[in-house]
């Protein structure tokens, strides 16, 4: 079975219904962004542009980069070296950054202030440094770049500093000469190796001859000369190699593969806060948060607001809805159908009347209770207006105020509260007469009202007597329709006592107020009392969103019918 597709109109209506919440959250986001812009300390960024060329292989056999398999690996390594701890430490100490408050916590703060930003598809890289002080930002960026260039030169040479000084010295001491002789280029020279082997052989020969002959012996003298010539030739070859190394190093120093293209300049304006972006993010973020809150509230909302809610949450048939109307006086809204020009309300109540007729197809004149789970959900409003709608059909209608605790119908129809339901239990036969306690409604032909009368001290006991059954039988005999405006179900048990004699009711739900759990508790009580719920009416319905619920066409009803047509 396919899941129901999400109705886009429903989502839009949901957003429009709680648009005030979205607007409020957007305003909060805007205020937060403005506060950030006002109180955030300005941050400046300076940028040094560098160029890094890949080394040419073969200039130095022991180059540390000779083993890289690809250019990508080489440049990735260079970027890591630019942000290395040792390089940052040199900058930190050189500029004595500990004296600045923002860097007083140590090297970690400097690391966060540095950003290595390669330029895509090029050999250029931006070294960015941020600081509250624009001059310091430029100084950090330039110092880091300069130190990297100098370190790169040192890293390109595998020899120690003593050897470098020996190469640069014009007069070489014995110790420096020993260092030069130990250089890899000298030690690994095949020619020097052969000369040293020849020297070793001559040394052995001279030692053997010296043991046999005197130093003036011709053979001893000859070997000694050959040995001196060999040593001179080794020294000459060593000097030649050292000279070639000097020339090569000179080229390395003058042709460094890393250089600064554009030194950092002192920034004139801060990079943070980005005021316009902050405002945009604040507004958009607040609005998005508002939308999420709307959907969260809707998810947590257990109230009933539509016919779908009635069917899904309460499993009740939908009879119709009564539109919400503003009124300064509470009692005035109950007679709102009697006002001229109130066509929308009139049509909705007539639709409820029609649906009720269909529901009571077997016995359309059966008496009906009007009930709700809690007080203030609109049952009296529905009772009075539905009674008017039934009376307009030409049938005799009796509307009974069954709430002996909080009676209201005498205010709605402006009749005397002295006559009413509480009198039928009076010992005086004249007062207890049913007909004498019924009053005709003013300006509404065929409508008769029985108010609650004087409030008795024991409403529950009065309703739980056979006298009530006798009165209901009399009412059915003398009127075409009987409606009873009952009290709320959950606070008191009066509705269940009425249900013993009128086992059918119309359940009233207040739009967006009635909790589904509370309503289900009330329905469970009715079911246990044997009262059948004919259907539910949503009262105080508010038109919101793109349509008037599922009944948007009623909104244009006045376009087709004038006030004069309604009176007729």
Protein backbone atom coordinates (compact mmCIF):
# COMPACT_ATOMS: atom_id res chain seq x y z
CA UNK A 1 0.00 0.00 0.00
CA UNK A 2 1.48 3.33 -1.04
CA UNK A 3 2.01 6.02 1.54
CA UNK A 4 -0.12 9.11 1.13
CA UNK A 5 1.60 11.84 -0.80
CA UNK A 6 2.33 14.98 1.15
CA UNK A 7 -0.10 17.71 0.18
CA UNK A 8 1.90 20.83 -0.66
CA UNK A 9 -1.14 22.99 0.03
CA UNK A 10 -1.37 21.55 3.53
CA UNK A 11 2.28 22.40 4.15
CA UNK A 12 1.81 25.96 2.90
CA UNK A 13 -1.30 26.36 5.05
CA UNK A 14 0.63 25.08 8.03
CA UNK A 15 3.40 27.62 7.47
CA UNK A 16 0.94 30.47 6.92
CA UNK A 17 -1.01 29.52 10.03
CA UNK A 18 2.04 29.96 12.26
CA UNK A 19 3.69 32.64 10.15
CA UNK A 20 3.99 34.83 13.24
CA UNK A 21 6.36 32.26 14.78
CA UNK A 22 8.53 32.16 11.65
CA UNK A 23 8.59 35.97 11.53
CA UNK A 24 9.49 36.12 15.23
CA UNK A 25 12.38 33.67 14.81
CA UNK A 26 13.62 35.57 11.74
CA UNK A 27 13.54 38.76 13.83
CA UNK A 28 15.50 37.03 16.59
CA UNK A 29 18.07 35.92 14.01
CA UNK A 30 18.30 39.47 12.66
CA UNK A 31 18.80 40.93 16.15
CA UNK A 32 21.47 38.30 16.89
CA UNK A 33 23.29 39.18 13.64
CA UNK A 34 23.18 42.90 14.45
CA UNK A 35 24.57 42.24 17.94
CA UNK A 36 27.39 40.17 16.42
CA UNK A 37 28.18 42.98 13.99
CA UNK A 38 28.22 45.57 16.78
CA UNK A 39 30.12 43.71 19.49
CA UNK A 40 32.44 41.46 17.46
CA UNK A 41 36.04 42.71 17.47
CA UNK A 42 37.24 43.48 13.91
CA UNK A 43 39.66 40.92 12.47
CA UNK A 44 42.15 41.87 9.74
CA UNK A 45 43.75 39.54 7.20
CA UNK A 46 47.02 40.08 5.34
CA UNK A 47 48.12 37.92 2.40
CA UNK A 48 51.58 37.15 1.00
CA UNK A 49 51.64 35.67 -2.51
CA UNK A 50 54.41 33.09 -3.08
CA UNK A 51 55.52 31.01 -6.04
CA UNK A 52 56.83 27.47 -5.57
CA UNK A 53 58.52 25.84 -8.55
CA UNK A 54 59.22 22.12 -8.60
CA UNK A 55 62.91 21.33 -8.27
CA UNK A 56 64.85 20.19 -11.31
CA UNK A 57 66.08 16.67 -10.71
CA UNK A 58 69.78 15.99 -10.94
CA UNK A 59 71.26 19.23 -9.62
CA UNK A 60 72.10 17.56 -6.34
CA UNK A 61 72.10 13.79 -6.15
CA UNK A 62 71.00 13.82 -2.53
CA UNK A 63 68.10 16.28 -2.99
CA UNK A 64 65.36 15.46 -0.44
CA UNK A 65 62.71 15.82 -3.14
CA UNK A 66 64.26 13.58 -5.73
CA UNK A 67 62.08 10.62 -4.75
CA UNK A 68 58.68 12.26 -5.24
CA UNK A 69 56.51 10.36 -7.72
CA UNK A 70 54.36 13.27 -8.81
CA UNK A 71 54.10 17.01 -8.78
CA UNK A 72 50.98 16.79 -6.59
CA UNK A 73 52.91 15.08 -3.81
CA UNK A 74 55.64 17.69 -4.02
CA UNK A 75 53.32 20.68 -3.68
CA UNK A 76 51.25 19.01 -0.96
CA UNK A 77 54.44 18.56 1.03
CA UNK A 78 55.40 22.20 0.52
CA UNK A 79 52.01 23.35 1.84
CA UNK A 80 52.45 21.16 4.91
CA UNK A 81 55.92 22.60 5.48
CA UNK A 82 54.50 26.13 5.30
CA UNK A 83 52.30 25.33 8.30
CA UNK A 84 54.79 23.16 10.16
CA UNK A 85 55.29 23.56 13.89
CA UNK A 86 59.01 24.39 13.60
CA UNK A 87 58.36 27.18 11.10
CA UNK A 88 55.56 28.63 13.24
CA UNK A 89 57.78 28.48 16.31
CA UNK A 90 60.45 30.50 14.52
CA UNK A 91 57.86 33.16 13.61
CA UNK A 92 56.40 33.14 17.16
CA UNK A 93 59.82 33.69 18.74
CA UNK A 94 61.09 36.12 16.10
CA UNK A 95 58.07 38.46 16.50
CA UNK A 96 57.75 37.79 20.25
CA UNK A 97 54.03 37.14 19.82
CA UNK A 98 53.59 36.19 23.47
CA UNK A 99 53.32 39.89 24.30
CA UNK A 100 50.10 40.18 22.29
CA UNK A 101 46.90 39.19 24.09
CA UNK A 102 45.42 37.22 21.19
CA UNK A 103 48.55 35.04 20.89
CA UNK A 104 49.44 34.84 24.58
CA UNK A 105 48.00 31.33 24.89
CA UNK A 106 50.75 29.86 22.75
CA UNK A 107 51.46 28.38 19.36
CA UNK A 108 47.96 26.91 18.91
CA UNK A 109 46.42 30.37 18.52
CA UNK A 110 49.00 31.28 15.86
CA UNK A 111 48.26 28.05 14.00
CA UNK A 112 44.55 28.99 13.84
CA UNK A 113 45.45 32.48 12.58
CA UNK A 114 47.47 31.10 9.63
CA UNK A 115 45.85 29.76 6.48
CA UNK A 116 47.73 28.27 3.53
CA UNK A 117 45.56 28.81 0.45
CA UNK A 118 46.92 27.40 -2.86
CA UNK A 119 45.74 29.09 -6.05
CA UNK A 120 43.99 26.46 -8.18
CA UNK A 121 45.80 25.25 -11.32
CA UNK A 122 48.91 27.34 -10.64
CA UNK A 123 52.21 27.29 -8.74
CA UNK A 124 51.09 30.18 -6.55
CA UNK A 125 50.04 29.97 -2.92
CA UNK A 126 48.56 32.61 -0.61
CA UNK A 127 49.90 32.75 2.94
CA UNK A 128 47.13 34.42 4.96
CA UNK A 129 47.47 35.67 8.54
CA UNK A 130 44.69 37.11 10.71
CA UNK A 131 44.98 39.41 13.68
CA UNK A 132 43.08 42.14 15.51
CA UNK A 133 46.00 44.44 14.58
CA UNK A 134 46.31 45.02 10.81
CA UNK A 135 50.05 45.78 11.06
CA UNK A 136 50.69 42.60 13.01
CA UNK A 137 48.74 40.55 10.49
CA UNK A 138 50.97 41.81 7.65
CA UNK A 139 54.10 41.26 9.72
CA UNK A 140 53.18 37.65 10.56
CA UNK A 141 52.40 36.80 6.94
CA UNK A 142 55.63 38.29 5.60
CA UNK A 143 57.79 36.76 8.35
CA UNK A 144 56.34 33.31 7.76
CA UNK A 145 56.98 33.57 4.01
CA UNK A 146 60.55 34.86 4.44
CA UNK A 147 61.43 32.15 6.96
CA UNK A 148 60.07 29.51 4.62
CA UNK A 149 62.25 30.80 1.77
CA UNK A 150 65.34 30.74 3.97
CA UNK A 151 64.55 27.31 5.36
CA UNK A 152 63.97 26.00 1.87
CA UNK A 153 67.51 27.03 0.89
CA UNK A 154 68.98 25.22 3.89
CA UNK A 155 66.88 22.11 3.29
CA UNK A 156 68.09 21.85 -0.31
CA UNK A 157 71.68 21.20 0.92
CA UNK A 158 72.35 17.89 2.66
CA UNK A 159 75.76 18.99 4.09
CA UNK A 160 76.33 20.35 7.58
CA UNK A 161 77.04 23.97 8.42
CA UNK A 162 80.73 23.20 9.15
CA UNK A 163 81.20 21.87 5.63
CA UNK A 164 79.47 24.94 4.16
CA UNK A 165 81.83 27.21 6.11
CA UNK A 166 84.80 25.14 4.94
CA UNK A 167 83.73 25.52 1.32
CA UNK A 168 83.31 29.28 1.72
CA UNK A 169 86.69 29.68 3.52
CA UNK A 170 89.65 31.01 1.46
CA UNK A 171 92.30 29.47 3.76
CA UNK A 172 91.40 25.95 4.76
CA UNK A 173 92.67 24.65 8.10
CA UNK A 174 93.58 21.01 8.74
CA UNK A 175 90.22 20.35 10.42
CA UNK A 176 88.26 21.99 7.59
CA UNK A 177 90.34 20.05 5.03
CA UNK A 178 89.50 16.83 6.83
CA UNK A 179 85.79 17.76 6.56
CA UNK A 180 86.14 18.42 2.83
CA UNK A 181 87.87 15.07 2.36
CA UNK A 182 84.93 13.37 4.07
CA UNK A 183 82.34 14.87 1.70
CA UNK A 184 80.31 12.23 -0.21
CA UNK A 185 81.35 13.70 -3.58
CA UNK A 186 85.04 13.25 -2.64
CA UNK A 187 84.70 9.88 -0.95
CA UNK A 188 82.61 8.43 -3.81
CA UNK A 189 84.86 9.69 -6.61
CA UNK A 190 86.17 6.65 -8.56
CA UNK A 191 89.33 8.48 -9.63
CA UNK A 192 90.22 9.46 -6.08
CA UNK A 193 89.47 5.91 -4.97
CA UNK A 194 92.00 4.53 -7.50
CA UNK A 195 94.57 7.13 -6.45
CA UNK A 196 94.13 6.20 -2.80
CA UNK A 197 94.50 2.50 -3.65
CA UNK A 198 97.73 3.38 -5.53
CA UNK A 199 98.86 5.43 -2.50
CA UNK A 200 98.21 2.51 -0.17
CA UNK A 201 100.18 0.16 -2.43
CA UNK A 202 103.12 2.59 -2.59
CA UNK A 203 103.03 2.91 1.20
CA UNK A 204 103.41 -0.83 1.61
CA UNK A 205 106.22 -0.98 -0.98
CA UNK A 206 108.09 1.92 0.69
CA UNK A 207 107.76 0.23 4.08
CA UNK A 208 109.22 -3.02 2.73
CA UNK A 209 112.11 -1.25 0.98
CA UNK A 210 112.88 0.93 4.00
CA UNK A 211 113.34 -2.24 6.04
CA UNK A 212 115.98 -3.51 3.61
CA UNK A 213 117.71 -0.37 2.37
CA UNK A 214 118.81 3.00 3.58
CA UNK A 215 116.74 6.11 2.74
CA UNK A 216 119.27 7.07 0.05
CA UNK A 217 118.81 3.81 -1.81
CA UNK A 218 117.63 4.53 -5.38
CA UNK A 219 114.61 2.24 -5.11
CA UNK A 220 113.51 3.83 -1.81
CA UNK A 221 113.91 7.30 -3.28
CA UNK A 222 111.95 6.34 -6.39
CA UNK A 223 109.02 4.90 -4.43
CA UNK A 224 109.00 7.94 -2.17
CA UNK A 225 108.74 10.26 -5.16
CA UNK A 226 105.92 8.23 -6.65
CA UNK A 227 104.11 8.35 -3.29
CA UNK A 228 104.47 12.12 -3.04
CA UNK A 229 103.21 12.54 -6.62
CA UNK A 230 100.19 10.37 -5.87
CA UNK A 231 99.31 12.38 -2.74
CA UNK A 232 99.65 15.62 -4.69
CA UNK A 233 97.39 14.28 -7.39
CA UNK A 234 94.77 13.27 -4.72
CA UNK A 235 94.90 16.78 -3.24
CA UNK A 236 94.55 18.33 -6.70
CA UNK A 237 91.54 16.15 -7.56
CA UNK A 238 89.95 16.93 -4.17
CA UNK A 239 90.36 20.69 -4.77
CA UNK A 240 88.81 20.29 -8.21
CA UNK A 241 85.76 18.52 -6.77
CA UNK A 242 85.42 21.11 -4.00
CA UNK A 243 85.54 23.88 -6.58
CA UNK A 244 82.82 22.24 -8.64
CA UNK A 245 80.67 21.85 -5.50
CA UNK A 246 81.17 25.57 -4.75
CA UNK A 247 80.01 26.46 -8.26
CA UNK A 248 76.98 24.19 -7.95
CA UNK A 249 76.05 25.61 -4.55
CA UNK A 250 76.38 29.11 -5.91
CA UNK A 251 73.80 28.22 -8.53
CA UNK A 252 71.55 26.67 -5.89
CA UNK A 253 71.59 29.81 -3.77
CA UNK A 254 70.98 32.15 -6.67
CA UNK A 255 68.29 30.00 -8.28
CA UNK A 256 66.03 29.19 -5.29
CA UNK A 257 62.82 27.48 -6.43
CA UNK A 258 60.71 29.36 -3.80
CA UNK A 259 60.22 33.11 -3.94
CA UNK A 260 57.88 35.82 -2.72
CA UNK A 261 55.83 37.39 -5.52
CA UNK A 262 53.81 39.97 -3.57
CA UNK A 263 54.67 40.76 0.06
CA UNK A 264 51.72 41.36 2.38
CA UNK A 265 50.54 44.93 2.82
CA UNK A 266 48.72 46.32 5.84
CA UNK A 267 44.97 45.68 5.26
CA UNK A 268 42.79 48.79 5.26
CA UNK A 269 39.49 47.13 6.24
CA UNK A 270 38.61 44.16 8.45
CA UNK A 271 37.59 40.81 6.99
CA UNK A 272 35.37 40.06 10.00
CA UNK A 273 32.60 40.64 10.83
CA UNK A 274 30.96 40.30 7.41
CA UNK A 275 28.00 42.49 8.23
CA UNK A 276 25.76 41.88 5.22
CA UNK A 277 26.43 38.14 5.23
CA UNK A 278 25.76 37.96 8.98
CA UNK A 279 22.44 39.75 8.54
CA UNK A 280 21.44 37.46 5.66
CA UNK A 281 22.46 34.35 7.61
CA UNK A 282 20.65 35.61 10.70
CA UNK A 283 17.42 36.23 8.81
CA UNK A 284 17.56 33.00 6.84
CA UNK A 285 18.70 30.90 9.80
CA UNK A 286 15.99 32.36 12.02
CA UNK A 287 13.34 31.71 9.37
CA UNK A 288 14.51 28.12 8.87
CA UNK A 289 14.52 27.56 12.62
CA UNK A 290 11.00 29.02 12.72
CA UNK A 291 9.83 26.59 10.03
CA UNK A 292 11.37 23.68 11.94
CA UNK A 293 9.62 24.85 15.11
CA UNK A 294 6.33 25.08 13.22
CA UNK A 295 6.63 21.47 12.08
CA UNK A 296 7.76 20.38 15.55
CA UNK A 297 4.79 22.09 17.19
CA UNK A 298 2.50 20.56 14.60
CA UNK A 299 3.99 17.14 15.30
CA UNK A 300 3.49 17.60 19.05
CA UNK A 301 0.06 19.18 18.61
CA UNK A 302 -2.65 16.74 19.73
CA UNK A 303 -5.57 19.04 19.00
CA UNK A 304 -8.18 18.45 16.29
CA UNK A 305 -8.23 20.86 13.37
CA UNK A 306 -9.69 19.02 10.37
CA UNK A 307 -12.00 16.26 9.23
CA UNK A 308 -8.93 14.09 8.68
CA UNK A 309 -8.00 14.56 12.36
CA UNK A 310 -11.49 13.45 13.36
CA UNK A 311 -11.22 10.29 11.32
CA UNK A 312 -7.62 9.44 12.22
CA UNK A 313 -7.46 10.47 15.88
CA UNK A 314 -11.05 9.90 17.03
CA UNK A 315 -12.58 7.67 14.34
CA UNK A 316 -15.64 9.95 14.11
CA UNK A 317 -17.67 10.92 11.03
CA UNK A 318 -17.50 14.60 10.12
CA UNK A 319 -20.79 16.52 10.09
CA UNK A 320 -19.45 20.01 9.36
CA UNK A 321 -17.92 23.04 10.99
CA UNK A 322 -19.06 26.34 12.48
CA UNK A 323 -16.92 29.34 11.51
CA UNK A 324 -15.29 31.44 14.19
CA UNK A 325 -16.74 34.91 14.78
CA UNK A 326 -15.34 37.67 16.91
CA UNK A 327 -17.73 39.12 19.47
CA UNK A 328 -17.31 41.35 22.49
CA UNK A 329 -20.06 39.51 24.36
CA UNK A 330 -19.81 35.75 24.73
CA UNK A 331 -23.54 35.22 24.57
CA UNK A 332 -23.91 37.15 21.32
CA UNK A 333 -22.05 34.52 19.26
CA UNK A 334 -24.61 31.85 20.11
CA UNK A 335 -27.33 33.71 18.24
CA UNK A 336 -25.02 34.72 15.40
CA UNK A 337 -27.16 32.92 12.81
CA UNK A 338 -29.93 35.43 13.53
CA UNK A 339 -27.75 38.33 12.37
CA UNK A 340 -28.38 39.77 8.94
CA UNK A 341 -25.75 39.01 6.33
CA UNK A 342 -24.19 36.10 8.23
CA UNK A 343 -24.51 33.86 5.18
CA UNK A 344 -21.34 31.83 5.71
CA UNK A 345 -22.40 30.69 9.17
CA UNK A 346 -25.98 30.04 8.00
CA UNK A 347 -24.90 27.80 5.14
CA UNK A 348 -22.55 25.79 7.34
CA UNK A 349 -25.22 25.23 9.98
CA UNK A 350 -27.71 24.17 7.27
CA UNK A 351 -25.13 21.70 5.98
CA UNK A 352 -24.82 20.27 9.50
CA UNK A 353 -28.63 20.04 9.61
CA UNK A 354 -28.60 18.11 6.31
CA UNK A 355 -25.84 15.75 7.47
CA UNK A 356 -27.77 15.14 10.70
CA UNK A 357 -30.87 14.25 8.68
CA UNK A 358 -28.83 11.68 6.73
CA UNK A 359 -27.44 10.25 9.96
CA UNK A 360 -30.96 9.97 11.45
CA UNK A 361 -32.46 8.51 8.28
CA UNK A 362 -34.40 5.86 10.22
CA UNK A 363 -35.84 8.30 12.75
CA UNK A 364 -35.31 11.91 11.75
CA UNK A 365 -37.45 13.22 14.62
CA UNK A 366 -35.44 11.46 17.31
CA UNK A 367 -34.18 13.76 20.09
CA UNK A 368 -30.45 14.54 20.01
CA UNK A 369 -27.94 15.63 22.64
CA UNK A 370 -25.29 18.25 21.89
CA UNK A 371 -22.19 17.57 23.97
CA UNK A 372 -18.45 18.16 24.15
CA UNK A 373 -15.53 16.95 26.22
CA UNK A 374 -14.76 20.25 28.01
CA UNK A 375 -16.44 23.57 28.65
CA UNK A 376 -16.07 26.34 26.06
CA UNK A 377 -15.81 24.18 22.94
CA UNK A 378 -18.87 25.64 21.19
CA UNK A 379 -21.72 23.22 21.97
CA UNK A 380 -24.13 26.00 23.04
CA UNK A 381 -23.24 27.91 19.89
CA UNK A 382 -24.06 24.88 17.75
CA UNK A 383 -27.22 24.05 19.75
CA UNK A 384 -28.77 27.52 19.35
CA UNK A 385 -27.88 27.93 15.68
CA UNK A 386 -28.86 24.37 14.75
CA UNK A 387 -32.22 24.88 16.50
CA UNK A 388 -32.77 28.04 14.43
CA UNK A 389 -31.87 26.15 11.23
CA UNK A 390 -34.31 23.33 12.06
CA UNK A 391 -37.08 25.84 12.89
CA UNK A 392 -36.56 27.51 9.50
CA UNK A 393 -37.75 24.30 7.83
CA UNK A 394 -41.23 24.87 9.31
CA UNK A 395 -40.95 22.15 11.94
CA UNK A 396 -41.64 22.71 15.63
CA UNK A 397 -38.34 22.63 17.51
CA UNK A 398 -37.77 22.42 21.25
CA UNK A 399 -34.33 23.49 22.48
CA UNK A 400 -33.64 22.42 26.06
CA UNK A 401 -30.88 23.87 28.22
CA UNK A 402 -29.74 20.64 29.84
CA UNK A 403 -26.92 22.29 31.80
CA UNK A 404 -28.46 22.89 35.22
CA UNK A 405 -25.12 24.23 36.50
CA UNK A 406 -24.15 26.86 33.90
CA UNK A 407 -27.29 27.76 31.95
CA UNK A 408 -26.94 30.20 29.04
CA UNK A 409 -29.75 29.78 26.55
CA UNK A 410 -32.03 32.30 28.33
CA UNK A 411 -29.37 34.97 27.56
CA UNK A 412 -29.06 33.90 23.95
CA UNK A 413 -32.76 34.09 23.15
CA UNK A 414 -33.60 36.70 25.81
CA UNK A 415 -36.28 34.71 27.60
CA UNK A 416 -37.08 34.48 31.31
CA UNK A 417 -34.87 32.20 33.43
CA UNK A 418 -37.70 31.80 35.97
CA UNK A 419 -39.39 29.15 33.84
CA UNK A 420 -37.36 26.14 32.93
CA UNK A 421 -36.27 22.56 33.39
CA UNK A 422 -35.66 22.69 37.14
CA UNK A 423 -39.36 23.48 37.72
CA UNK A 424 -40.64 20.11 36.44
CA UNK A 425 -39.56 18.56 39.74
CA UNK A 426 -41.52 21.18 41.74
CA UNK A 427 -44.26 19.91 44.06
CA UNK A 428 -46.57 22.64 42.78
CA UNK A 429 -48.41 21.04 39.82
CA UNK A 430 -48.87 24.41 38.12
CA UNK A 431 -45.11 25.11 38.19
CA UNK A 432 -44.25 21.54 37.22
CA UNK A 433 -46.41 21.61 34.13
CA UNK A 434 -44.21 20.95 31.09
CA UNK A 435 -45.96 23.30 28.68
CA UNK A 436 -45.92 26.21 31.11
CA UNK A 437 -42.11 26.02 31.34
CA UNK A 438 -41.60 26.26 27.56
CA UNK A 439 -41.18 29.76 26.04
CA UNK A 440 -41.31 30.73 22.36
CA UNK A 441 -38.13 32.24 20.96
CA UNK A 442 -38.40 35.86 19.89
CA UNK A 443 -38.05 36.54 16.13
CA UNK A 444 -37.74 32.79 15.35
CA UNK A 445 -41.06 31.13 14.42
CA UNK A 446 -41.48 27.46 15.37
CA UNK A 447 -38.62 27.57 17.89
CA UNK A 448 -39.36 27.00 21.57
CA UNK A 449 -36.95 27.25 24.46
CA UNK A 450 -36.88 25.46 27.79
CA UNK A 451 -34.23 27.10 29.89
CA UNK A 452 -32.49 25.40 32.81
CA UNK A 453 -34.58 27.46 35.21
CA UNK A 454 -33.43 28.24 38.70
CA UNK A 455 -30.22 26.41 39.58
CA UNK A 456 -31.03 23.48 41.86
CA UNK A 457 -28.71 22.38 44.68
CA UNK A 458 -28.58 18.78 43.41
CA UNK A 459 -28.57 18.67 39.56
CA UNK A 460 -27.30 15.08 39.34
CA UNK A 461 -29.99 13.70 41.62
CA UNK A 462 -32.76 15.51 39.71
CA UNK A 463 -31.59 14.14 36.34
CA UNK A 464 -31.41 10.61 37.73
CA UNK A 465 -35.19 10.26 38.23
CA UNK A 466 -38.05 8.81 36.10
CA UNK A 467 -39.52 12.31 35.88
CA UNK A 468 -36.92 13.17 33.23
CA UNK A 469 -37.96 10.21 31.07
CA UNK A 470 -41.58 11.31 31.25
CA UNK A 471 -40.67 14.85 30.20
CA UNK A 472 -38.65 13.62 27.21
CA UNK A 473 -41.54 11.45 26.08
CA UNK A 474 -43.84 14.48 26.30
CA UNK A 475 -41.38 16.59 24.29
CA UNK A 476 -41.14 13.98 21.51
CA UNK A 477 -44.91 13.83 21.31
CA UNK A 478 -45.42 17.60 21.04
CA UNK A 479 -42.41 18.69 18.93
CA UNK A 480 -40.90 17.60 15.64
CA UNK A 481 -37.31 18.03 16.81
CA UNK A 482 -35.86 18.04 20.32
CA UNK A 483 -32.29 19.26 21.00
CA UNK A 484 -30.65 19.19 24.42
CA UNK A 485 -27.66 21.43 25.13
CA UNK A 486 -25.79 19.23 27.62
CA UNK A 487 -22.95 20.15 29.98
CA UNK A 488 -19.37 19.08 29.21
CA UNK A 489 -18.78 15.34 29.62
CA UNK A 490 -15.51 15.17 31.54
CA UNK A 491 -16.22 17.50 34.50
CA UNK A 492 -19.63 16.04 35.43
CA UNK A 493 -21.78 12.98 34.72
CA UNK A 494 -24.94 14.90 33.70
CA UNK A 495 -24.59 14.07 29.98
CA UNK A 496 -24.53 10.33 30.72
CA UNK A 497 -27.77 10.73 32.73
CA UNK A 498 -29.39 12.43 29.74
CA UNK A 499 -28.02 9.62 27.61
CA UNK A 500 -30.14 7.07 29.49
CA UNK A 501 -33.20 8.53 27.72
CA UNK A 502 -31.66 10.13 24.62
CA UNK A 503 -28.95 7.65 23.49
CA UNK A 504 -27.58 9.70 20.61
CA UNK A 505 -25.40 12.80 20.56
CA UNK A 506 -23.55 15.20 18.31
CA UNK A 507 -19.99 15.71 19.58
CA UNK A 508 -18.53 19.23 19.34
CA UNK A 509 -14.79 19.83 18.85
CA UNK A 510 -13.21 23.25 19.18
CA UNK A 511 -10.81 23.96 16.34
CA UNK A 512 -7.19 23.90 17.52
CA UNK A 513 -8.20 23.69 21.21
CA UNK A 514 -9.76 20.31 21.89
CA UNK A 515 -7.11 17.77 22.83
CA UNK A 516 -7.55 14.45 21.06
CA UNK A 517 -6.77 12.48 24.22
CA UNK A 518 -9.33 14.41 26.28
CA UNK A 519 -11.90 13.98 23.51
CA UNK A 520 -11.20 10.23 23.40
CA UNK A 521 -11.73 9.99 27.16
CA UNK A 522 -15.10 11.71 26.78
CA UNK A 523 -16.06 9.39 23.90
CA UNK A 524 -15.11 6.36 25.99
CA UNK A 525 -17.46 7.54 28.73
CA UNK A 526 -20.28 7.97 26.21
CA UNK A 527 -19.64 4.51 24.81
CA UNK A 528 -19.76 2.92 28.26
CA UNK A 529 -23.03 4.76 28.93
CA UNK A 530 -24.48 3.34 25.73
CA UNK A 531 -24.74 6.71 23.95
CA UNK A 532 -24.18 6.62 20.19
CA UNK A 533 -22.11 9.46 18.71
CA UNK A 534 -23.77 10.46 15.43
CA UNK A 535 -20.77 12.52 14.33
CA UNK A 536 -18.61 15.50 15.20
CA UNK A 537 -18.78 19.19 14.40
CA UNK A 538 -15.69 21.43 14.48
CA UNK A 539 -16.62 24.70 16.13
CA UNK A 540 -14.87 28.07 16.09
CA UNK A 541 -13.22 27.12 12.80
CA UNK A 542 -10.71 29.71 11.55
CA UNK A 543 -10.04 30.14 7.86
CA UNK A 544 -6.26 30.12 7.38
CA UNK A 545 -3.79 29.52 4.60
CA UNK A 546 -4.60 29.22 0.92
CA UNK A 547 -8.11 27.84 1.41
CA UNK A 548 -10.92 27.57 3.88
CA UNK A 549 -9.89 24.09 4.92
CA UNK A 550 -11.43 21.61 2.50
CA UNK A 551 -14.42 23.89 1.98
CA UNK A 552 -12.99 26.99 0.40
CA UNK A 553 -16.02 27.42 -1.89
CA UNK A 554 -18.17 28.61 1.01
CA UNK A 555 -16.05 31.69 1.23
CA UNK A 556 -17.52 32.95 -2.04
CA UNK A 557 -21.10 32.03 -1.20
CA UNK A 558 -22.11 35.68 -0.66
CA UNK A 559 -21.15 36.33 -4.28
CA UNK A 560 -24.19 34.34 -5.46
CA UNK A 561 -26.74 35.22 -2.76
CA UNK A 562 -27.70 38.65 -1.50
CA UNK A 563 -28.96 39.53 1.95
CA UNK A 564 -32.50 39.81 0.61
CA UNK A 565 -32.31 36.26 -0.77
CA UNK A 566 -31.15 35.03 2.62
CA UNK A 567 -34.12 36.71 4.37
CA UNK A 568 -36.53 35.06 1.95
